[in-house]
């Protein structure tokens, strides 16, 4: 087999393990002397976990400047405001950023870390794909440590930050190879308090990323190998994590799978499920993981005739043992549908708050980087018909 040429982007250091958040001060000291800390978990703040981490940073001799992330996916105004707030401190060469939270908080921190060192754009919107002035980062962002508190988006390992706007409506990425966090600290214990619904949505986001990256037209061999392991771990673990949040092995498996999914999508891209999910987020305010999960089975059915071999391999990876590859593929899609049902994912767009008249807006809003990675071309008419059939 002839392999296509490829690049591989990853965080410089990954620290994974139960309870390893205690190593955060020592890791931060390798990056600087002042920490801009973005807190994205109100639960961990109430429980005192954040205070313990801040105390540890301060006892290590680090100055800590804190801010709280808003309780929504980051918007242009959020990035610009936090950039202004932290800029008043005077950015120094020994500054770094730490984000403790879910994918939204990590994305916000990644965007602000980039804007702090690239003030030539006036607003983050001018750097976003397809909606701004096409500006690019001229300087490295502040070095960053990402500490995820959910297991889903993989933002801790990606090279982009997804930023939204509602006037005008869009959901686009600030994207650069420079934006991958320098250090990723994954402590699955931080995910134990995540509610069941959020666990389901974020977990299905990770599973969708593993599958879409594996079959993407931009797929590369190392991420594909990682996707297989990630899916094998997440497949039996997600329902256990949803139904028993204290299940340590399930939480560890989901945290590792989410990390892998981030590495995979950073290198291989995604597909139609994520393309439409972005549009659902902007036009119907559907939570990202829920949108991905709803779109995953129809996306697999749309792509199955062009990715028979790959989907059959995924079926075998999760233990579906039919000998006939066609039956394996159909069985895999049915198993994905069943998994969605088990963790509480609806199947109809109307059941997640989409109005039928919004479909005509969803089609153009789905165009972008994710949709371009789909292994089968998705003409607007096909997508319109697909979404109409799902309503």
Foldseek 3Di string as FASTA:
>chain_A
DDFDDFDAAWAQAEADEAPCLLCVLVVLVVQAQEEEEEEEDPVCVVVCVVVVSVVSNVVSRHHYHYDYDDPAAAAQVLLLVVLVVVCVVPDDRRYAYEYEEAQRRLLSRLSSQQCNQAVPQVTSQQQWPPRHVVDARPDAGRAYEYEYLAQAQLNQIAQWRWHFDVVVGAITINGDSSRRHNYYYYHLVSNLPPALLRLLLRLLNLLQLLVFLLQWPQHHPVLVVLSLQLCLLSVVLSLVCSVHSVPVSSSSSRNSSSNSSRSSCNTRAGAQQQLLLRLCCRQFVFPSSLSSLLCRLVLLVVCCVVCLPSLLVSLVSNPNDDPDSVVSNVVSSVSSVVSCVSSPRDNAPVVRGDDLVCLVVSLVSSDDRRHVRRPDHQPSVNSSVSNNVRD
